[in-house]
Amino acid sequence: MLSKKIDFAIIIGVRNANPNGDPLNGNRPRVNYDGLGEMSDVCLKRKIRNRLIDDGEAILVQSADYRTDECHSIKARYDSNADINAAKDDYEKQRDIACREWYDVRAFGQVLAFKKNKKKKDEEGDDEGSVSIGIRGPVSIQSAFSVEAVDVESLQITKSVNLETNKENPLKKSSDTLGMKHRVNRGIYVSFGSINRQLAEKTGFSDGDAEKLKRALCKMFNNDESSARPAGSMEIIKVIWWIHESVTLSSAKVHRSLAVKPDGTYELEKFEGIVVQELDGQ
């Protein structure tokens, strides 16, 4: 199992990219009321899961465009596991199997809430057969915020061809040829996280799993290119990895020991009994 408590920080560099668009705001980069750029914890976990998939780890929560199997939902992937099907109504055993089989379940936890087949429910008139299993994972990650306020630049773009031909005037451009793109010209973002030793015991998260997470953090933006995040526009500048060797301090105190500057450099206070690793992005 995990032998020591671990804290970590991720320093992210952004240049001419949209780190995490907000679908409720025209996909503009997320910005809080103080003008600081934000990347949600869900966004960060998605990238970590993708890098773990690249490393050959079994992942339960896979995105539709980054799947390694033919399953189109979490339930389909969960039900396709033979050991879980053999466990049937033994939810405690299913919980243990899920933690063993999928890295992201034993790391981040998962709420497995599956409804009963609607047709059977209507026939039988109850919810018997529904599954609701809550797994609390030891790895927690905060949203990443920029060190200083960011400037969001918006560009109007046009397509060179219509999606459909205008029947009355084939040469006329239709409304679907216009659009907007948004980007952050420059920003330094910082996220903090922690691995809880007690929760790790419950899910089976080990020292080896922690090493896999550390490697994934260092290459979070490898193979993550898109139109909104062109290759080279997002990078991991540094991963700070604190191992509580002989003392256990609060995560808040450890995280405050890191002061990141707007140019990506930082100052780090050291604590006796805590080993610090400063890792470069890959």
Protein backbone atom coordinates (compact mmCIF):
# COMPACT_ATOMS: atom_id res chain seq x y z
CA MET A 1 0.00 0.00 0.00
CA LEU A 2 0.94 3.67 -0.01
CA SER A 3 3.61 4.04 2.67
CA LYS A 4 3.71 7.85 2.98
CA LYS A 5 1.37 10.78 2.54
CA ILE A 6 2.11 12.71 -0.68
CA ASP A 7 1.30 16.25 -1.80
CA PHE A 8 1.99 17.64 -5.25
CA ALA A 9 1.76 20.81 -7.32
CA ILE A 10 1.64 21.28 -11.09
CA ILE A 11 2.93 24.45 -12.77
CA ILE A 12 1.41 24.83 -16.24
CA GLY A 13 2.48 27.23 -18.98
CA VAL A 14 -0.08 28.48 -21.53
CA ARG A 15 0.70 30.44 -24.68
CA ASN A 16 -1.92 31.27 -27.34
CA ALA A 17 -4.29 28.49 -26.32
CA ASN A 18 -7.67 27.85 -24.73
CA PRO A 19 -6.75 25.78 -21.65
CA ASN A 20 -10.32 24.88 -20.67
CA GLY A 21 -13.31 26.33 -22.50
CA ASP A 22 -16.61 27.04 -20.74
CA PRO A 23 -19.51 25.56 -22.79
CA LEU A 24 -21.97 27.89 -21.04
CA ASN A 25 -20.00 30.95 -22.20
CA GLY A 26 -19.39 30.30 -25.87
CA ASN A 27 -16.40 28.08 -25.04
CA ARG A 28 -14.38 31.06 -23.85
CA PRO A 29 -11.49 30.20 -21.50
CA ARG A 30 -12.73 29.91 -17.93
CA VAL A 31 -12.07 33.05 -15.87
CA ASN A 32 -13.19 33.71 -12.29
CA TYR A 33 -14.46 37.01 -10.84
CA ASP A 34 -10.90 38.11 -10.05
CA GLY A 35 -9.87 37.72 -13.69
CA LEU A 36 -7.76 34.63 -12.99
CA GLY A 37 -7.81 31.89 -15.58
CA GLU A 38 -9.13 28.53 -14.42
CA MET A 39 -8.84 24.89 -15.48
CA SER A 40 -11.34 22.64 -13.71
CA ASP A 41 -10.24 19.59 -11.77
CA VAL A 42 -12.39 17.48 -14.12
CA CYS A 43 -10.39 18.81 -17.09
CA LEU A 44 -7.10 17.92 -15.39
CA LYS A 45 -8.28 14.44 -14.47
CA ARG A 46 -9.35 13.82 -18.06
CA LYS A 47 -5.83 14.54 -19.29
CA ILE A 48 -4.30 12.40 -16.55
CA ARG A 49 -6.58 9.50 -17.46
CA ASN A 50 -5.60 9.84 -21.13
CA ARG A 51 -1.89 9.72 -20.29
CA LEU A 52 -2.45 6.66 -18.11
CA ILE A 53 -4.25 5.03 -21.05
CA ASP A 54 -1.17 5.81 -23.16
CA ASP A 55 0.91 3.99 -20.53
CA GLY A 56 -1.29 0.90 -20.77
CA GLU A 57 -3.32 1.36 -17.58
CA ALA A 58 -6.91 0.10 -17.41
CA ILE A 59 -9.24 3.11 -17.08
CA LEU A 60 -12.98 2.94 -16.38
CA VAL A 61 -13.94 6.55 -17.27
CA GLN A 62 -12.80 6.88 -20.88
CA SER A 63 -13.83 9.68 -23.23
CA ALA A 64 -15.73 8.90 -26.42
CA ASP A 65 -12.82 9.93 -28.65
CA TYR A 66 -10.08 8.24 -26.60
CA ARG A 67 -11.43 4.72 -26.03
CA THR A 68 -9.42 1.51 -25.95
CA ASP A 69 -12.44 -0.81 -26.29
CA GLU A 70 -15.87 -1.02 -27.89
CA CYS A 71 -17.77 0.15 -24.78
CA HIS A 72 -19.68 3.42 -25.24
CA SER A 73 -20.49 4.07 -21.58
CA ILE A 74 -19.18 3.53 -18.06
CA LYS A 75 -21.97 1.00 -17.39
CA ALA A 76 -21.13 -1.00 -20.51
CA ARG A 77 -17.47 -1.15 -19.49
CA TYR A 78 -18.41 -2.04 -15.92
CA ASP A 79 -20.82 -4.80 -17.00
CA SER A 80 -18.28 -6.25 -19.45
CA ASN A 81 -16.04 -7.29 -16.55
CA ALA A 82 -16.51 -11.01 -15.91
CA ASP A 83 -15.50 -10.86 -12.23
CA ILE A 84 -18.04 -8.12 -11.49
CA ASN A 85 -20.80 -10.07 -13.26
CA ALA A 86 -19.90 -13.12 -11.16
CA ALA A 87 -20.23 -11.05 -7.96
CA LYS A 88 -23.89 -10.21 -8.82
CA ASP A 89 -25.50 -8.56 -5.76
CA ASP A 90 -22.36 -8.56 -3.59
CA TYR A 91 -21.70 -4.82 -3.88
CA GLU A 92 -18.78 -4.84 -1.45
CA LYS A 93 -17.04 -7.42 -3.60
CA GLN A 94 -17.85 -5.43 -6.73
CA ARG A 95 -16.27 -2.39 -5.08
CA ASP A 96 -13.06 -4.29 -4.40
CA ILE A 97 -12.97 -5.67 -7.94
CA ALA A 98 -13.50 -2.21 -9.46
CA CYS A 99 -10.62 -0.80 -7.40
CA ARG A 100 -8.39 -3.66 -8.46
CA GLU A 101 -9.29 -3.59 -12.14
CA TRP A 102 -9.30 0.13 -12.95
CA TYR A 103 -6.56 2.58 -11.99
CA ASP A 104 -8.76 5.67 -11.99
CA VAL A 105 -11.28 4.05 -9.61
CA ARG A 106 -8.69 3.27 -6.94
CA ALA A 107 -7.06 6.68 -7.48
CA PHE A 108 -9.91 9.18 -7.86
CA GLY A 109 -12.81 7.07 -6.63
CA GLN A 110 -16.12 6.77 -8.46
CA VAL A 111 -19.86 6.86 -7.87
CA LEU A 112 -21.33 3.86 -9.66
CA ALA A 113 -25.06 4.64 -9.84
CA PHE A 114 -26.76 2.47 -12.43
CA LYS A 115 -30.53 2.37 -12.83
CA LYS A 116 -32.50 -0.77 -13.36
CA ASN A 117 -33.71 -1.56 -16.85
CA LYS A 118 -36.77 0.69 -17.33
CA LYS A 119 -38.90 -2.07 -18.85
CA LYS A 120 -38.24 -4.42 -15.92
CA LYS A 121 -38.86 -1.61 -13.46
CA ASP A 122 -42.27 -0.88 -15.00
CA GLU A 123 -43.20 -4.57 -14.90
CA GLU A 124 -42.04 -5.20 -11.33
CA GLY A 125 -42.82 -1.76 -9.91
CA ASP A 126 -39.68 -1.34 -7.80
CA ASP A 127 -36.03 -0.29 -8.03
CA GLU A 128 -34.64 -3.66 -7.05
CA GLY A 129 -31.60 -4.37 -9.19
CA SER A 130 -30.42 -0.77 -9.26
CA VAL A 131 -26.78 -0.33 -8.26
CA SER A 132 -25.31 2.54 -6.27
CA ILE A 133 -21.73 2.08 -5.08
CA GLY A 134 -19.72 5.02 -3.74
CA ILE A 135 -15.94 4.74 -3.76
CA ARG A 136 -13.90 7.53 -2.20
CA GLY A 137 -10.47 7.78 -3.79
CA PRO A 138 -7.24 8.93 -2.13
CA VAL A 139 -6.10 11.28 -4.92
CA SER A 140 -7.63 14.75 -4.86
CA ILE A 141 -6.78 17.53 -7.33
CA GLN A 142 -7.75 21.20 -7.13
CA SER A 143 -8.69 23.34 -10.10
CA ALA A 144 -5.71 25.14 -11.63
CA PHE A 145 -5.72 28.94 -11.39
CA SER A 146 -3.45 31.43 -13.13
CA VAL A 147 -0.93 33.31 -11.03
CA GLU A 148 -2.17 36.65 -12.35
CA ALA A 149 -5.19 37.86 -14.34
CA VAL A 150 -5.28 36.65 -17.94
CA ASP A 151 -6.29 38.46 -21.13
CA VAL A 152 -8.76 36.53 -23.27
CA GLU A 153 -8.54 37.36 -26.97
CA SER A 154 -11.48 36.54 -29.25
CA LEU A 155 -11.16 36.09 -33.01
CA GLN A 156 -13.91 35.89 -35.59
CA ILE A 157 -13.32 33.12 -38.10
CA THR A 158 -14.99 32.09 -41.37
CA LYS A 159 -15.14 28.85 -43.32
CA SER A 160 -13.94 28.82 -46.89
CA VAL A 161 -16.96 26.77 -47.97
CA ASN A 162 -20.58 26.41 -46.89
CA LEU A 163 -21.67 23.35 -44.96
CA GLU A 164 -24.70 23.11 -47.27
CA THR A 165 -25.37 24.71 -50.65
CA ASN A 166 -27.67 27.72 -50.70
CA LYS A 167 -30.34 26.66 -53.18
CA GLU A 168 -31.32 30.20 -54.18
CA ASN A 169 -27.75 31.47 -54.50
CA PRO A 170 -25.04 28.76 -54.45
CA LEU A 171 -22.30 31.42 -54.17
CA LYS A 172 -23.76 33.04 -51.08
CA LYS A 173 -22.17 32.18 -47.74
CA SER A 174 -24.57 30.83 -45.15
CA SER A 175 -24.63 31.77 -41.47
CA ASP A 176 -22.83 28.59 -40.44
CA THR A 177 -19.60 29.83 -42.04
CA LEU A 178 -19.05 32.35 -39.24
CA GLY A 179 -17.70 31.51 -35.82
CA MET A 180 -15.46 32.61 -32.94
CA LYS A 181 -12.24 31.32 -31.41
CA HIS A 182 -10.93 32.36 -28.02
CA ARG A 183 -7.49 32.06 -26.49
CA VAL A 184 -5.30 33.11 -23.60
CA ASN A 185 -2.21 34.81 -24.98
CA ARG A 186 -0.03 33.94 -22.03
CA GLY A 187 -0.53 32.56 -18.53
CA ILE A 188 1.01 30.50 -15.75
CA TYR A 189 -1.45 28.19 -13.99
CA VAL A 190 -0.92 26.25 -10.77
CA SER A 191 -2.83 23.27 -9.41
CA PHE A 192 -2.35 21.43 -6.13
CA GLY A 193 -3.20 17.90 -5.11
CA SER A 194 -2.74 15.31 -2.42
CA ILE A 195 -2.75 11.54 -1.88
CA ASN A 196 -4.38 10.42 1.37
CA ARG A 197 -2.72 7.39 2.93
CA GLN A 198 -5.78 6.20 4.89
CA LEU A 199 -8.05 6.27 1.83
CA ALA A 200 -5.32 4.56 -0.21
CA GLU A 201 -5.56 1.58 2.14
CA LYS A 202 -9.27 1.21 1.34
CA THR A 203 -8.88 1.27 -2.46
CA GLY A 204 -5.51 -0.50 -2.71
CA PHE A 205 -3.66 2.53 -4.11
CA SER A 206 0.05 1.71 -3.78
CA ASP A 207 3.47 3.36 -3.95
CA GLY A 208 3.73 1.99 -7.48
CA ASP A 209 0.44 3.68 -8.41
CA ALA A 210 1.79 6.95 -7.00
CA GLU A 211 4.84 6.68 -9.27
CA LYS A 212 2.55 6.13 -12.27
CA LEU A 213 0.59 9.24 -11.33
CA LYS A 214 3.77 11.27 -11.02
CA ARG A 215 4.88 10.22 -14.51
CA ALA A 216 1.44 11.05 -15.94
CA LEU A 217 1.50 14.54 -14.38
CA CYS A 218 4.84 15.29 -16.05
CA LYS A 219 3.42 14.62 -19.53
CA MET A 220 -0.21 15.73 -19.14
CA PHE A 221 -0.29 17.62 -22.45
CA ASN A 222 1.46 15.02 -24.62
CA ASN A 223 -0.92 13.86 -27.39
CA ASP A 224 -3.45 16.46 -26.22
CA GLU A 225 -3.24 18.78 -29.23
CA SER A 226 -6.37 20.28 -30.72
CA SER A 227 -7.47 23.36 -32.64
CA ALA A 228 -7.99 25.13 -29.30
CA ARG A 229 -4.64 23.89 -27.93
CA PRO A 230 -2.12 23.66 -30.79
CA ALA A 231 0.99 21.56 -30.29
CA GLY A 232 3.46 23.39 -28.06
CA SER A 233 0.93 25.85 -26.66
CA MET A 234 0.48 23.99 -23.36
CA GLU A 235 3.32 22.63 -21.25
CA ILE A 236 4.13 21.26 -17.83
CA ILE A 237 6.84 23.53 -16.49
CA LYS A 238 7.35 21.76 -13.18
CA VAL A 239 5.82 19.11 -10.93
CA ILE A 240 6.60 19.52 -7.24
CA TRP A 241 6.26 16.24 -5.34
CA TRP A 242 6.28 16.30 -1.52
CA ILE A 243 6.75 13.00 0.36
CA HIS A 244 6.00 13.15 4.10
CA GLU A 245 8.87 10.92 5.26
CA SER A 246 9.14 11.40 9.03
CA VAL A 247 6.50 14.07 9.73
CA THR A 248 2.97 14.63 8.46
CA LEU A 249 1.95 18.24 7.89
CA SER A 250 -1.37 19.60 6.66
CA SER A 251 -1.67 19.84 2.90
CA ALA A 252 -2.59 23.53 3.20
CA LYS A 253 0.70 24.34 4.93
CA VAL A 254 2.71 22.34 2.41
CA HIS A 255 0.95 23.96 -0.57
CA ARG A 256 1.58 27.45 0.83
CA SER A 257 5.31 26.73 0.83
CA LEU A 258 5.28 27.09 -2.97
CA ALA A 259 5.19 30.65 -4.37
CA VAL A 260 4.94 30.74 -8.16
CA LYS A 261 5.83 33.91 -10.07
CA PRO A 262 4.15 35.18 -13.27
CA ASP A 263 7.15 34.07 -15.39
CA GLY A 264 6.87 30.47 -14.20
CA THR A 265 9.78 30.56 -11.77
CA TYR A 266 9.08 29.83 -8.12
CA GLU A 267 10.32 29.89 -4.56
CA LEU A 268 9.98 26.85 -2.34
CA GLU A 269 10.18 26.65 1.43
CA LYS A 270 11.64 23.39 2.71
CA PHE A 271 10.42 21.42 5.74
CA GLU A 272 12.44 19.02 7.82
CA GLY A 273 11.09 15.48 7.46
CA ILE A 274 9.53 16.13 4.03
CA VAL A 275 11.37 15.10 0.90
CA VAL A 276 10.79 17.36 -2.11
CA GLN A 277 11.21 16.29 -5.74
CA GLU A 278 11.22 18.98 -8.44
CA LEU A 279 10.44 17.35 -11.77
CA ASP A 280 10.56 18.84 -15.26
CA GLY A 281 7.73 18.30 -17.70
CA GLN A 282 8.31 15.81 -20.48
